[in-house]
Amino acid sequence: MLLSTISLVVFLGLVAYDVWPIGVTVIWVLVVLIMLLQFIVYAIDQISASASHIWKAGRNVMGKVVQGFRSLASGHGG
């Protein structure tokens, strides 16, 4: 089924290219740009999620450090 789908798309693409080569080329470039854009958006999402996790982990560690200093200052010995 995949082979028949690919064959049909290639055939229709070649027929369309024979009729309107500039239009097919422009549409192809737009499709490639949109396909690349989804990976760029996904990468930005992953980077921001990682940065958020790192920020939360740092905040938790700093909270524990501050809590340890406070317990040392109050003489409880944490």
C-alpha atoms as a PDB file:
ATOM      1  CA  MET A   1       0.000   0.000   0.000  1.00  0.00           C
ATOM      2  CA  LEU A   2       2.867   2.365   0.747  1.00  0.00           C
ATOM      3  CA  LEU A   3       4.454   1.661  -2.635  1.00  0.00           C
ATOM      4  CA  SER A   4       1.200   2.344  -4.477  1.00  0.00           C
ATOM      5  CA  THR A   5       0.735   5.610  -2.559  1.00  0.00           C
ATOM      6  CA  ILE A   6       4.264   6.749  -3.351  1.00  0.00           C
ATOM      7  CA  SER A   7       3.830   5.792  -7.003  1.00  0.00           C
ATOM      8  CA  LEU A   8       0.572   7.735  -7.265  1.00  0.00           C
ATOM      9  CA  VAL A   9       2.056  10.830  -5.608  1.00  0.00           C
ATOM     10  CA  VAL A  10       5.120  10.732  -7.864  1.00  0.00           C
ATOM     11  CA  PHE A  11       2.945  10.308 -10.949  1.00  0.00           C
ATOM     12  CA  LEU A  12       0.663  13.197  -9.996  1.00  0.00           C
ATOM     13  CA  GLY A  13       3.676  15.341  -9.124  1.00  0.00           C
ATOM     14  CA  LEU A  14       5.274  14.701 -12.512  1.00  0.00           C
ATOM     15  CA  VAL A  15       2.021  15.482 -14.335  1.00  0.00           C
ATOM     16  CA  ALA A  16       1.607  18.697 -12.344  1.00  0.00           C
ATOM     17  CA  TYR A  17       5.248  19.627 -13.006  1.00  0.00           C
ATOM     18  CA  ASP A  18       4.708  19.196 -16.762  1.00  0.00           C
ATOM     19  CA  VAL A  19       1.741  21.568 -16.610  1.00  0.00           C
ATOM     20  CA  TRP A  20       3.087  24.201 -14.172  1.00  0.00           C
ATOM     21  CA  PRO A  21       6.752  23.736 -13.175  1.00  0.00           C
ATOM     22  CA  ILE A  22       7.183  27.043 -11.316  1.00  0.00           C
ATOM     23  CA  GLY A  23       4.051  26.496  -9.235  1.00  0.00           C
ATOM     24  CA  VAL A  24       5.076  22.962  -8.298  1.00  0.00           C
ATOM     25  CA  THR A  25       8.538  24.185  -7.314  1.00  0.00           C
ATOM     26  CA  VAL A  26       7.095  26.983  -5.160  1.00  0.00           C
ATOM     27  CA  ILE A  27       4.659  24.611  -3.448  1.00  0.00           C
ATOM     28  CA  TRP A  28       7.479  22.105  -2.867  1.00  0.00           C
ATOM     29  CA  VAL A  29       9.630  24.800  -1.231  1.00  0.00           C
ATOM     30  CA  LEU A  30       6.715  25.865   0.992  1.00  0.00           C
ATOM     31  CA  VAL A  31       6.074  22.263   2.047  1.00  0.00           C
ATOM     32  CA  VAL A  32       9.746  21.767   2.906  1.00  0.00           C
ATOM     33  CA  LEU A  33       9.784  24.996   4.938  1.00  0.00           C
ATOM     34  CA  ILE A  34       6.691  23.976   6.886  1.00  0.00           C
ATOM     35  CA  MET A  35       8.158  20.544   7.543  1.00  0.00           C
ATOM     36  CA  LEU A  36      11.359  22.122   8.835  1.00  0.00           C
ATOM     37  CA  LEU A  37       9.405  24.625  10.907  1.00  0.00           C
ATOM     38  CA  GLN A  38       7.729  21.843  12.885  1.00  0.00           C
ATOM     39  CA  PHE A  39      11.147  20.517  13.933  1.00  0.00           C
ATOM     40  CA  ILE A  40      12.319  24.000  14.888  1.00  0.00           C
ATOM     41  CA  VAL A  41       9.193  24.540  17.014  1.00  0.00           C
ATOM     42  CA  TYR A  42       9.628  21.099  18.604  1.00  0.00           C
ATOM     43  CA  ALA A  43      13.284  21.878  19.429  1.00  0.00           C
ATOM     44  CA  ILE A  44      12.337  25.205  21.010  1.00  0.00           C
ATOM     45  CA  ASP A  45       9.655  23.448  23.063  1.00  0.00           C
ATOM     46  CA  GLN A  46      12.114  20.805  24.261  1.00  0.00           C
ATOM     47  CA  ILE A  47      14.760  23.400  25.133  1.00  0.00           C
ATOM     48  CA  SER A  48      12.276  25.493  27.098  1.00  0.00           C
ATOM     49  CA  ALA A  49      10.996  22.412  28.937  1.00  0.00           C
ATOM     50  CA  SER A  50      14.573  21.421  29.817  1.00  0.00           C
ATOM     51  CA  ALA A  51      15.354  24.927  30.992  1.00  0.00           C
ATOM     52  CA  SER A  52      12.207  24.881  33.123  1.00  0.00           C
ATOM     53  CA  HIS A  53      13.223  21.559  34.703  1.00  0.00           C
ATOM     54  CA  ILE A  54      16.722  22.872  35.397  1.00  0.00           C
ATOM     55  CA  TRP A  55      15.288  26.067  36.910  1.00  0.00           C
ATOM     56  CA  LYS A  56      12.946  24.082  39.186  1.00  0.00           C
ATOM     57  CA  ALA A  57      15.749  21.748  40.274  1.00  0.00           C
ATOM     58  CA  GLY A  58      18.000  24.717  41.041  1.00  0.00           C
ATOM     59  CA  ARG A  59      15.233  26.381  43.001  1.00  0.00           C
ATOM     60  CA  ASN A  60      14.679  23.212  45.047  1.00  0.00           C
ATOM     61  CA  VAL A  61      18.399  22.863  45.777  1.00  0.00           C
ATOM     62  CA  MET A  62      18.710  26.511  46.791  1.00  0.00           C
ATOM     63  CA  GLY A  63      15.657  26.126  49.031  1.00  0.00           C
ATOM     64  CA  LYS A  64      17.304  23.199  50.796  1.00  0.00           C
ATOM     65  CA  VAL A  65      20.582  25.105  51.137  1.00  0.00           C
ATOM     66  CA  VAL A  66      18.811  28.114  52.631  1.00  0.00           C
ATOM     67  CA  GLN A  67      16.840  25.839  54.940  1.00  0.00           C
ATOM     68  CA  GLY A  68      20.095  24.183  56.057  1.00  0.00           C
ATOM     69  CA  PHE A  69      21.697  27.557  56.806  1.00  0.00           C
ATOM     70  CA  ARG A  70      18.620  28.644  58.749  1.00  0.00           C
ATOM     71  CA  SER A  71      18.654  25.484  60.833  1.00  0.00           C
ATOM     72  CA  LEU A  72      22.394  25.960  61.515  1.00  0.00           C
ATOM     73  CA  ALA A  73      21.790  29.570  62.514  1.00  0.00           C
ATOM     74  CA  SER A  74      18.999  28.630  64.872  1.00  0.00           C
ATOM     75  CA  GLY A  75      21.141  25.879  66.424  1.00  0.00           C
ATOM     76  CA  HIS A  76      19.016  22.867  65.468  1.00  0.00           C
ATOM     77  CA  GLY A  77      21.756  21.329  63.280  1.00  0.00           C
ATOM     78  CA  GLY A  78      19.621  20.230  60.285  1.00  0.00           C
END
